[in-house]
């Protein structure tokens, strides 16, 4: 865990230098969006809220730091034992994006890849045990709680198109975030609105 955190800290200076260069010479767009999420490890459905800055590095390439919050809502198949199970996380990603397709109408299909740093937790039903006392016997549920501070990676397919407003963009992203050798741990679909800042 310490090695992952140190690697994440080592990436930050490189990112800041690149982003500062991009701000001085290229276009900058801010995206805000939300959408559904699947926690593939726990089988939970949830929502995500995404913020991203798009630094254009060239005609087809960009650097994209983002912060995403995820919160589970329910299980695929609910029963009495797991209604209170929960997972959530805050993700900081830095992706390099390449436009595979770009039409005359400025519709883009892109692929993006980069590191993903997560702070989050999950809790779930861990079984139960029988307790005997003066009032009779009853079952006590066990909750498993796990907290995450970890470094993984994210892969994205991005669809981006212009809006009627010249200073706006529309975007739809399919994001797969992987941690601890599990792919994909989180699957997110997000619709976003972009605001051109420069």
Protein backbone atom coordinates (compact mmCIF):
# COMPACT_ATOMS: atom_id res chain seq x y z
CA UNK A 1 0.00 0.00 0.00
CA UNK A 2 2.88 2.38 0.83
CA UNK A 3 4.53 1.66 -2.54
CA UNK A 4 1.28 2.44 -4.37
CA UNK A 5 0.86 5.70 -2.49
CA UNK A 6 4.48 6.74 -3.19
CA UNK A 7 4.01 5.94 -6.88
CA UNK A 8 0.88 8.10 -6.92
CA UNK A 9 2.81 10.98 -5.30
CA UNK A 10 5.59 10.60 -7.86
CA UNK A 11 3.10 10.98 -10.73
CA UNK A 12 1.69 14.29 -9.42
CA UNK A 13 4.71 16.56 -10.26
CA UNK A 14 4.81 15.19 -13.83
CA UNK A 15 1.11 15.81 -14.18
CA UNK A 16 1.30 19.36 -12.80
CA UNK A 17 4.12 20.29 -15.16
CA UNK A 18 2.27 18.87 -18.17
CA UNK A 19 -1.02 20.49 -17.21
CA UNK A 20 0.60 23.88 -16.68
CA UNK A 21 2.11 23.67 -20.18
CA UNK A 22 -1.25 22.64 -21.62
CA UNK A 23 -3.01 25.57 -19.95
CA UNK A 24 -0.59 28.07 -21.46
CA UNK A 25 -0.79 26.85 -25.06
CA UNK A 26 -3.96 24.77 -25.58
CA UNK A 27 -7.69 24.60 -25.04
CA UNK A 28 -9.15 23.72 -21.65
CA UNK A 29 -12.60 22.19 -21.11
CA UNK A 30 -14.31 21.36 -17.81
CA UNK A 31 -16.75 18.41 -17.75
CA UNK A 32 -19.41 17.71 -15.14
CA UNK A 33 -21.61 14.62 -15.24
CA UNK A 34 -23.33 11.70 -13.52
CA UNK A 35 -24.50 8.19 -14.27
CA UNK A 36 -24.96 4.59 -13.08
CA UNK A 37 -22.19 2.39 -11.62
CA UNK A 38 -21.74 -1.34 -11.04
CA UNK A 39 -19.46 -2.56 -8.26
CA UNK A 40 -18.50 -5.84 -9.90
CA UNK A 41 -16.72 -7.20 -6.84
CA UNK A 42 -19.65 -6.72 -4.47
CA UNK A 43 -22.55 -6.97 -6.93
CA UNK A 44 -23.87 -3.51 -6.02
CA UNK A 45 -25.59 -0.92 -8.20
CA UNK A 46 -24.86 2.75 -7.57
CA UNK A 47 -24.36 6.23 -9.00
CA UNK A 48 -21.29 8.28 -9.85
CA UNK A 49 -20.66 12.02 -10.06
CA UNK A 50 -17.73 13.02 -12.25
CA UNK A 51 -15.62 16.18 -12.61
CA UNK A 52 -12.90 16.33 -15.26
CA UNK A 53 -10.54 18.87 -16.82
CA UNK A 54 -9.56 18.23 -20.43
CA UNK A 55 -6.17 19.68 -21.43
CA UNK A 56 -5.76 19.44 -25.22
CA UNK A 57 -2.17 18.45 -26.05
CA UNK A 58 -2.60 18.19 -29.81
CA UNK A 59 -5.13 17.57 -32.57
CA UNK A 60 -5.97 14.07 -31.25
CA UNK A 61 -4.45 13.85 -27.77
CA UNK A 62 -5.35 15.23 -24.34
CA UNK A 63 -4.49 14.89 -20.67
CA UNK A 64 -7.48 14.50 -18.33
CA UNK A 65 -7.32 14.75 -14.53
CA UNK A 66 -10.61 13.90 -12.84
CA UNK A 67 -12.32 13.35 -9.50
CA UNK A 68 -15.24 10.91 -9.30
CA UNK A 69 -17.46 10.06 -6.34
CA UNK A 70 -19.30 6.73 -6.27
CA UNK A 71 -22.03 5.56 -3.87
CA UNK A 72 -23.87 2.24 -3.98
CA UNK A 73 -27.66 2.14 -3.81
CA UNK A 74 -28.73 -1.50 -3.79
CA UNK A 75 -27.85 -5.08 -4.73
CA UNK A 76 -28.76 -6.73 -8.01
CA UNK A 77 -30.70 -9.32 -5.99
CA UNK A 78 -31.83 -8.05 -2.61
CA UNK A 79 -32.70 -10.19 0.42
CA UNK A 80 -33.05 -9.51 4.14
CA UNK A 81 -29.39 -10.21 4.87
CA UNK A 82 -27.76 -7.73 2.52
CA UNK A 83 -30.09 -4.72 2.35
CA UNK A 84 -27.64 -2.69 4.45
CA UNK A 85 -24.52 -3.63 2.45
CA UNK A 86 -22.75 -0.60 1.07
CA UNK A 87 -19.75 0.54 -0.94
CA UNK A 88 -18.46 4.01 -1.81
CA UNK A 89 -15.32 5.64 -3.08
CA UNK A 90 -13.55 8.79 -4.20
CA UNK A 91 -11.41 8.28 -7.32
CA UNK A 92 -8.66 10.54 -8.62
CA UNK A 93 -7.70 9.65 -12.18
CA UNK A 94 -5.21 11.07 -14.67
CA UNK A 95 -5.82 9.68 -18.15
CA UNK A 96 -4.10 10.13 -21.51
CA UNK A 97 -6.72 10.21 -24.26
CA UNK A 98 -6.36 9.59 -27.98
CA UNK A 99 -9.11 10.35 -30.54
CA UNK A 100 -9.55 7.29 -32.75
CA UNK A 101 -12.28 8.89 -34.85
CA UNK A 102 -12.97 12.55 -35.51
CA UNK A 103 -15.62 13.62 -38.04
CA UNK A 104 -16.17 16.91 -39.85
CA UNK A 105 -19.06 17.62 -37.46
CA UNK A 106 -16.60 17.36 -34.55
CA UNK A 107 -17.92 14.04 -33.25
CA UNK A 108 -15.12 12.11 -31.52
CA UNK A 109 -14.64 8.53 -30.38
CA UNK A 110 -11.64 8.23 -28.06
CA UNK A 111 -9.78 5.74 -25.89
CA UNK A 112 -8.22 6.79 -22.57
CA UNK A 113 -5.99 5.03 -20.06
CA UNK A 114 -4.25 6.04 -16.84
CA UNK A 115 -3.69 5.52 -13.12
CA UNK A 116 -6.59 5.60 -10.66
CA UNK A 117 -6.17 6.36 -6.96
CA UNK A 118 -9.08 5.35 -4.72
CA UNK A 119 -10.05 6.17 -1.16
CA UNK A 120 -13.15 4.21 -0.23
CA UNK A 121 -14.78 1.44 1.75
CA UNK A 122 -17.27 -1.39 1.59
CA UNK A 123 -19.22 -3.32 4.18
CA UNK A 124 -21.23 -6.47 3.79
CA UNK A 125 -22.98 -9.31 5.51
CA UNK A 126 -20.42 -11.71 7.00
CA UNK A 127 -22.69 -14.33 8.53
CA UNK A 128 -24.38 -14.62 11.93
CA UNK A 129 -24.04 -16.48 15.22
CA UNK A 130 -26.51 -17.68 17.82
CA UNK A 131 -26.51 -16.00 21.26
CA UNK A 132 -28.01 -17.59 24.39
CA UNK A 133 -28.98 -15.47 27.39
CA UNK A 134 -31.69 -15.09 30.05
CA UNK A 135 -34.12 -13.69 27.48
CA UNK A 136 -33.83 -16.65 25.12
CA UNK A 137 -31.69 -17.10 22.04
CA UNK A 138 -31.32 -14.95 18.96
CA UNK A 139 -29.02 -14.41 16.00
CA UNK A 140 -26.47 -11.60 15.80
CA UNK A 141 -25.32 -10.56 12.31
CA UNK A 142 -21.63 -10.03 11.56
CA UNK A 143 -20.59 -7.11 9.34
CA UNK A 144 -17.37 -7.17 7.34
CA UNK A 145 -15.90 -3.68 6.84
CA UNK A 146 -13.00 -3.01 4.49
CA UNK A 147 -11.38 0.37 3.79
CA UNK A 148 -9.36 1.12 0.66
CA UNK A 149 -6.43 3.41 -0.03
CA UNK A 150 -5.06 1.96 -3.24
CA UNK A 151 -3.67 2.61 -6.68
CA UNK A 152 -5.06 0.91 -9.77
CA UNK A 153 -5.83 1.92 -13.34
CA UNK A 154 -8.76 3.02 -15.44
CA UNK A 155 -9.71 2.48 -19.08
CA UNK A 156 -12.29 4.57 -20.87
CA UNK A 157 -14.23 4.75 -24.13
CA UNK A 158 -15.32 8.35 -24.72
CA UNK A 159 -17.93 9.72 -27.13
CA UNK A 160 -17.77 13.51 -27.46
CA UNK A 161 -19.78 15.87 -29.65
CA UNK A 162 -20.43 19.57 -29.97
CA UNK A 163 -23.49 21.32 -28.58
CA UNK A 164 -25.66 24.00 -30.16
CA UNK A 165 -23.86 26.40 -27.84
CA UNK A 166 -20.31 26.95 -29.14
CA UNK A 167 -18.92 27.02 -25.60
CA UNK A 168 -20.45 23.66 -24.65
CA UNK A 169 -19.63 20.01 -25.34
CA UNK A 170 -21.60 16.80 -24.75
CA UNK A 171 -19.88 13.61 -23.70
CA UNK A 172 -20.71 10.01 -22.80
CA UNK A 173 -18.06 7.88 -21.09
CA UNK A 174 -17.84 4.17 -20.36
CA UNK A 175 -15.18 3.74 -17.65
CA UNK A 176 -13.67 0.54 -16.24
CA UNK A 177 -11.61 0.91 -13.05
CA UNK A 178 -9.49 -2.00 -11.84
CA UNK A 179 -7.79 -2.66 -8.51
CA UNK A 180 -5.89 -5.54 -6.87
CA UNK A 181 -5.85 -7.57 -10.09
CA UNK A 182 -9.67 -7.52 -10.47
CA UNK A 183 -10.91 -6.22 -13.86
CA UNK A 184 -13.13 -4.32 -13.93
CA UNK A 185 -13.85 -3.68 -10.27
CA UNK A 186 -16.07 -0.71 -11.09
CA UNK A 187 -17.96 -0.16 -14.34
CA UNK A 188 -19.32 3.37 -14.81
CA UNK A 189 -21.44 4.95 -17.54
CA UNK A 190 -21.50 8.75 -17.34
CA UNK A 191 -23.20 11.49 -19.33
CA UNK A 192 -21.39 14.82 -19.07
CA UNK A 193 -21.68 18.43 -20.15
CA UNK A 194 -18.48 20.25 -21.06
CA UNK A 195 -17.76 23.95 -20.58
CA UNK A 196 -14.95 25.50 -22.63
CA UNK A 197 -12.77 27.58 -20.36
CA UNK A 198 -10.04 28.57 -22.81
